[in-house]
Protein backbone atom coordinates (compact mmCIF):
# COMPACT_ATOMS: atom_id res chain seq x y z
CA MET A 1 94.02 93.49 -99.41
CA MET A 2 95.78 94.48 -96.17
CA THR A 3 98.68 96.95 -96.58
CA THR A 4 102.00 96.43 -94.79
CA GLN A 5 101.30 99.33 -92.43
CA THR A 6 97.80 98.07 -91.64
CA LYS A 7 99.09 94.56 -90.97
CA GLU A 8 101.71 95.97 -88.61
CA ASN A 9 99.00 97.85 -86.73
CA VAL A 10 96.84 94.74 -86.52
CA ASP A 11 99.77 92.64 -85.35
CA MET A 12 100.49 95.20 -82.63
CA MET A 13 96.84 95.28 -81.55
CA TYR A 14 96.74 91.50 -81.61
CA LYS A 15 99.74 91.26 -79.30
CA GLU A 16 98.34 93.90 -76.94
CA ASN A 17 94.82 92.52 -76.75
CA VAL A 18 95.18 88.78 -77.21
CA VAL A 19 93.59 86.88 -74.38
CA GLU A 20 95.89 84.33 -72.78
CA LEU A 21 93.92 81.12 -72.39
CA PRO A 22 94.86 77.80 -70.81
CA THR A 23 96.03 75.25 -73.34
CA VAL A 24 94.82 72.14 -71.50
CA ASN A 25 91.60 71.15 -73.27
CA THR A 26 89.47 69.00 -71.02
CA GLU A 27 85.70 69.27 -70.75
CA ALA A 28 86.06 70.82 -67.30
CA THR A 29 88.43 73.55 -68.49
CA THR A 30 86.28 74.12 -71.57
CA VAL A 31 83.16 74.73 -69.49
CA GLU A 32 85.08 76.76 -66.91
CA ARG A 33 86.54 78.96 -69.64
CA ALA A 34 83.15 79.59 -71.24
CA LYS A 35 81.51 80.41 -67.91
CA ALA A 36 84.37 82.74 -66.97
CA GLY A 37 83.83 84.54 -70.25
CA LEU A 38 80.12 84.99 -69.57
CA ALA A 39 80.93 86.35 -66.12
CA LYS A 40 83.15 89.02 -67.68
CA VAL A 41 80.44 89.88 -70.22
CA ALA A 42 78.02 90.40 -67.36
CA LYS A 43 80.38 92.91 -65.70
CA GLY A 44 80.02 95.35 -68.59
CA GLU A 45 81.76 96.85 -71.60
CA ALA A 46 85.27 97.05 -70.13
CA LEU A 47 85.55 93.28 -69.98
CA ALA A 48 82.85 92.34 -72.49
CA THR A 49 85.08 91.73 -75.50
CA GLU A 50 87.52 89.62 -73.51
CA GLY A 51 84.58 87.73 -72.04
CA TRP A 52 83.03 87.00 -75.45
CA LEU A 53 86.38 85.71 -76.71
CA GLU A 54 86.74 83.36 -73.75
CA TYR A 55 83.14 82.23 -74.12
CA GLY A 56 83.62 81.66 -77.85
CA THR A 57 86.79 79.69 -77.27
CA GLY A 58 84.96 77.45 -74.82
CA LEU A 59 82.12 76.89 -77.28
CA ASN A 60 84.54 76.12 -80.12
CA GLU A 61 86.28 73.54 -77.97
CA GLY A 62 82.95 72.08 -76.94
CA ARG A 63 81.74 71.97 -80.55
CA GLU A 64 84.74 69.86 -81.55
CA ARG A 65 83.40 67.08 -79.32
CA PHE A 66 80.41 66.54 -81.63
CA PRO A 67 80.07 65.70 -85.34
CA LYS A 68 79.21 68.52 -87.74
CA GLY A 69 75.57 68.87 -88.78
CA GLY A 70 72.43 66.91 -88.05
CA GLN A 71 72.43 65.07 -84.73
CA GLY A 72 75.82 66.56 -83.86
CA ASP A 73 74.32 70.06 -83.90
CA LYS A 74 71.48 68.91 -81.66
CA ASP A 75 73.90 67.23 -79.26
CA PHE A 76 76.02 70.38 -79.08
CA GLY A 77 72.91 72.43 -78.29
CA ALA A 78 71.96 69.97 -75.55
CA TRP A 79 75.51 70.12 -74.17
CA LYS A 80 75.30 73.94 -73.91
CA VAL A 81 72.05 73.63 -71.96
CA ALA A 82 73.46 70.93 -69.67
CA GLN A 83 76.54 73.05 -68.93
CA GLN A 84 74.44 76.21 -68.45
CA LEU A 85 76.15 77.94 -71.36
CA ASP A 86 72.95 78.67 -73.31
CA GLY A 87 72.23 82.12 -71.86
CA PRO A 88 73.25 84.16 -74.94
CA ASN A 89 71.05 83.87 -78.03
CA ASP A 90 72.11 82.01 -81.17
CA MET A 91 73.47 85.13 -82.93
CA GLU A 92 75.62 86.02 -79.93
CA CYS A 93 76.94 82.45 -79.74
CA LEU A 94 77.86 82.44 -83.42
CA ALA A 95 79.57 85.82 -83.11
CA ALA A 96 81.59 84.71 -80.08
CA MET A 97 82.68 81.49 -81.80
CA TRP A 98 83.60 83.43 -84.95
CA ALA A 99 85.67 85.94 -82.98
CA ALA A 100 87.54 83.29 -80.99
CA GLU A 101 88.17 81.13 -84.06
CA ASP A 102 90.69 83.59 -85.55
CA LEU A 103 91.88 86.34 -83.22
CA GLU A 104 93.98 88.09 -85.86
CA ARG A 105 90.98 88.32 -88.16
CA PHE A 106 88.82 89.56 -85.30
CA TYR A 107 91.23 92.35 -84.35
CA ALA A 108 91.60 93.33 -88.01
CA ILE A 109 87.82 93.78 -88.28
CA GLN A 110 87.81 95.63 -84.96
CA ALA A 111 90.46 98.03 -86.30
CA LYS A 112 88.50 98.54 -89.51
CA TYR A 113 85.28 99.42 -87.67
CA PRO A 114 86.37 101.22 -84.46
CA GLN A 115 82.87 102.67 -83.99
CA VAL A 116 81.38 99.16 -83.57
CA ARG A 117 81.57 98.24 -79.87
CA THR A 118 80.13 94.71 -79.77
CA VAL A 119 81.42 91.36 -80.98
CA ARG A 120 78.04 90.65 -82.56
CA GLY A 121 78.19 93.96 -84.44
CA LEU A 122 81.69 93.18 -85.74
CA HIS A 123 80.53 89.74 -86.84
CA ALA A 124 77.68 91.36 -88.77
CA LYS A 125 80.12 93.76 -90.47
CA TRP A 126 82.34 90.85 -91.48
CA LYS A 127 79.37 88.94 -92.96
CA LYS A 128 77.95 91.93 -94.82
CA PRO A 129 78.53 91.52 -98.56
CA ALA A 130 80.24 94.31 -100.47
CA PRO A 131 77.74 96.65 -102.14
CA LYS A 132 77.10 95.90 -105.78
CA GLN A 133 78.63 98.39 -108.15
CA PRO A 134 76.13 99.92 -110.61
CA LYS A 135 76.45 98.84 -114.20
CA PRO A 136 77.84 101.53 -116.54
CA LYS A 137 75.23 103.15 -118.78
CA MET A 138 75.31 102.58 -122.52
CA ASP A 139 76.69 105.45 -124.58
CA LYS A 140 75.29 106.40 -127.98
CA ASP A 141 77.65 104.04 -129.78
CA ASP A 142 76.57 101.13 -127.54
CA GLN A 143 72.91 101.98 -128.19
CA ARG A 144 73.46 102.07 -131.95
CA LYS A 145 75.16 98.65 -131.92
CA VAL A 146 72.45 97.15 -129.71
CA ARG A 147 69.76 98.36 -132.13
CA LYS A 148 71.61 96.81 -135.07
CA LEU A 149 72.03 93.50 -133.25
CA GLN A 150 68.35 93.40 -132.30
CA ALA A 151 67.33 94.28 -135.88
CA VAL A 152 69.22 91.23 -137.19
CA ILE A 153 67.70 89.01 -134.48
CA ASP A 154 64.19 90.19 -135.40
CA ASP A 155 64.74 89.73 -139.15
CA PRO A 156 62.97 86.48 -140.21
CA ALA A 157 65.14 86.32 -143.33
CA ALA A 158 68.44 86.55 -141.46
CA ASP A 159 70.88 83.63 -141.51
CA PRO A 160 70.42 81.50 -138.35
CA ASN A 161 74.16 81.46 -137.64
CA THR A 162 74.27 85.24 -137.92
CA VAL A 163 71.28 85.55 -135.60
CA GLU A 164 72.97 83.31 -133.02
CA ALA A 165 76.17 85.37 -133.22
CA CYS A 166 74.14 88.54 -132.70
CA ARG A 167 72.40 87.01 -129.69
CA ARG A 168 75.77 86.25 -128.09
CA LYS A 169 76.97 89.81 -128.71
CA LEU A 170 73.74 91.20 -127.30
CA ASP A 171 74.12 89.01 -124.21
CA GLY A 172 77.54 90.60 -123.76
CA TYR A 173 75.95 94.05 -123.66
CA LYS A 174 73.38 92.80 -121.14
CA THR A 175 76.16 91.47 -118.92
CA ALA A 176 78.12 94.72 -119.15
CA HIS A 177 75.23 97.18 -118.76
CA GLY A 178 72.49 95.16 -117.06
CA GLU A 179 69.82 93.01 -118.71
CA GLU A 180 66.94 95.23 -117.63
CA ALA A 181 68.60 98.40 -118.93
CA VAL A 182 69.32 96.86 -122.35
CA ASP A 183 65.83 95.32 -122.68
CA ASP A 184 64.21 98.64 -121.73
CA PHE A 185 66.28 100.46 -124.34
CA ILE A 186 65.36 97.94 -127.06
CA GLU A 187 61.67 98.26 -126.20
CA GLN A 188 61.83 102.06 -126.35
CA ALA A 189 63.79 101.93 -129.61
CA LYS A 190 61.13 99.72 -131.19
CA GLU A 191 58.43 102.17 -130.11
CA TYR A 192 60.36 105.02 -131.71
CA GLU A 193 60.86 103.00 -134.89
CA GLU A 194 57.11 102.41 -135.10
CA ASP A 195 56.60 106.17 -134.96
CA TYR A 196 59.23 106.76 -137.61
CA GLN A 197 57.56 104.29 -139.97
CA LEU A 198 54.75 106.82 -140.39
CA VAL A 199 57.20 109.33 -141.93
CA ASP A 200 58.09 109.26 -145.62
CA MET A 201 61.88 109.10 -145.49
CA GLU A 202 62.53 109.41 -149.23
CA PRO A 203 62.40 113.25 -149.28
CA ILE A 204 64.72 113.34 -146.28
CA MET A 205 67.19 111.03 -148.03
CA ASP A 206 67.02 113.23 -151.13
CA SER A 207 67.73 116.32 -149.05
CA ILE A 208 70.76 114.72 -147.43
CA THR A 209 72.05 113.61 -150.86
CA ASP A 210 71.58 117.14 -152.24
CA ILE A 211 73.66 118.56 -149.39
CA ILE A 212 76.48 116.09 -149.99
CA PHE A 213 76.67 117.00 -153.68
CA SER A 214 76.13 120.73 -153.22
CA ASP A 215 79.08 123.08 -153.76
CA GLU A 216 77.53 125.44 -151.23
CA TYR A 217 79.06 123.25 -148.50
CA ASP A 218 82.77 122.81 -147.84
CA LEU A 219 84.12 119.74 -149.63
CA ASP A 220 86.22 118.53 -146.69
CA TRP A 221 83.18 118.82 -144.42
CA ARG A 222 81.06 116.79 -146.85
CA LYS A 223 83.75 114.09 -147.06
CA ALA A 224 83.92 113.95 -143.28
CA GLN A 225 80.15 113.40 -143.07
CA VAL A 226 80.27 110.53 -145.57
CA GLN A 227 83.23 108.94 -143.78
CA ASP A 228 81.39 109.14 -140.47
CA TRP A 229 78.30 107.50 -141.97
CA LEU A 230 80.38 104.73 -143.52
CA SER A 231 82.14 104.06 -140.22
CA LYS A 232 78.79 103.73 -138.44
CA ALA A 233 77.20 101.69 -141.24
CA PHE A 234 80.05 99.16 -141.26
CA ASP A 235 80.42 99.23 -137.46
CA ASP A 236 84.16 99.94 -137.87
CA ASP A 237 84.50 96.71 -139.87
CA ASP A 238 87.56 97.50 -142.01
CA ASN A 239 87.29 94.33 -144.08
CA GLY A 240 83.65 95.02 -144.86
CA MET A 241 84.45 98.55 -145.96
CA ILE A 242 87.32 97.36 -148.17
CA ALA A 243 85.01 94.79 -149.76
CA GLU A 244 82.44 97.54 -150.46
CA LEU A 245 85.13 99.73 -152.07
CA ASN A 246 86.21 96.88 -154.35
CA PHE A 247 82.56 96.26 -155.27
CA LEU A 248 82.07 99.91 -156.21
CA LYS A 249 85.21 99.93 -158.38
CA GLU A 250 84.18 96.71 -160.12
CA HIS A 251 80.62 97.85 -160.86
CA LYS A 252 81.19 101.56 -161.47
CA ASN A 253 79.74 101.31 -165.00
CA ASP A 254 76.74 99.15 -164.14
CA TRP A 255 74.33 101.99 -163.41
């Protein structure tokens, strides 16, 4: 978006540099204008920009005499040849017509890229798309949620509606972080899971349980560990955690 100060500068440059052109638009003046522009281009850099603008204005006026597209494009090309206006190549013609089409836009681009000295170069800068911003990387919490979503999707016993909901959530992560990055992470996670399946986890679970119930560890610290595990297990789903609490209270004597 152009700031007020920048617009003032562009307006000033526009007023200083604008090429005064005849307003009578006959074929003779159109051709004369375009040829005069080419003559200035031929004289060198000092008059080149002004020459390209005059040439572009002549071409724009000439182009209006023919329909857009198809045979109209061919007829316009033939007209340029007949009027001896076909010296510049196609890219130079397009750049000149672009520049002359909107002088304020042209001078704004010229002010933005002062190191670019040619009309064709400025046209290329204007056409150049903005560089794509890299997708943000997934943090550990994102990775954990992606693994859980993929686990549900891969579960043959999972409810189809739940699987579809998980697919939509996973697509959201792919949009936010890049499809390739998410797919690569899932593939690596599955490889790690295959390695972990070779380990007997029951003794590890017993060891963790022993720590939680051991008086050798600070009680507040042990509570904090359990709360952290619950938060991750329920994916910060407050309703799910409340339902689990009610279940535990209701079935406390069932063991």
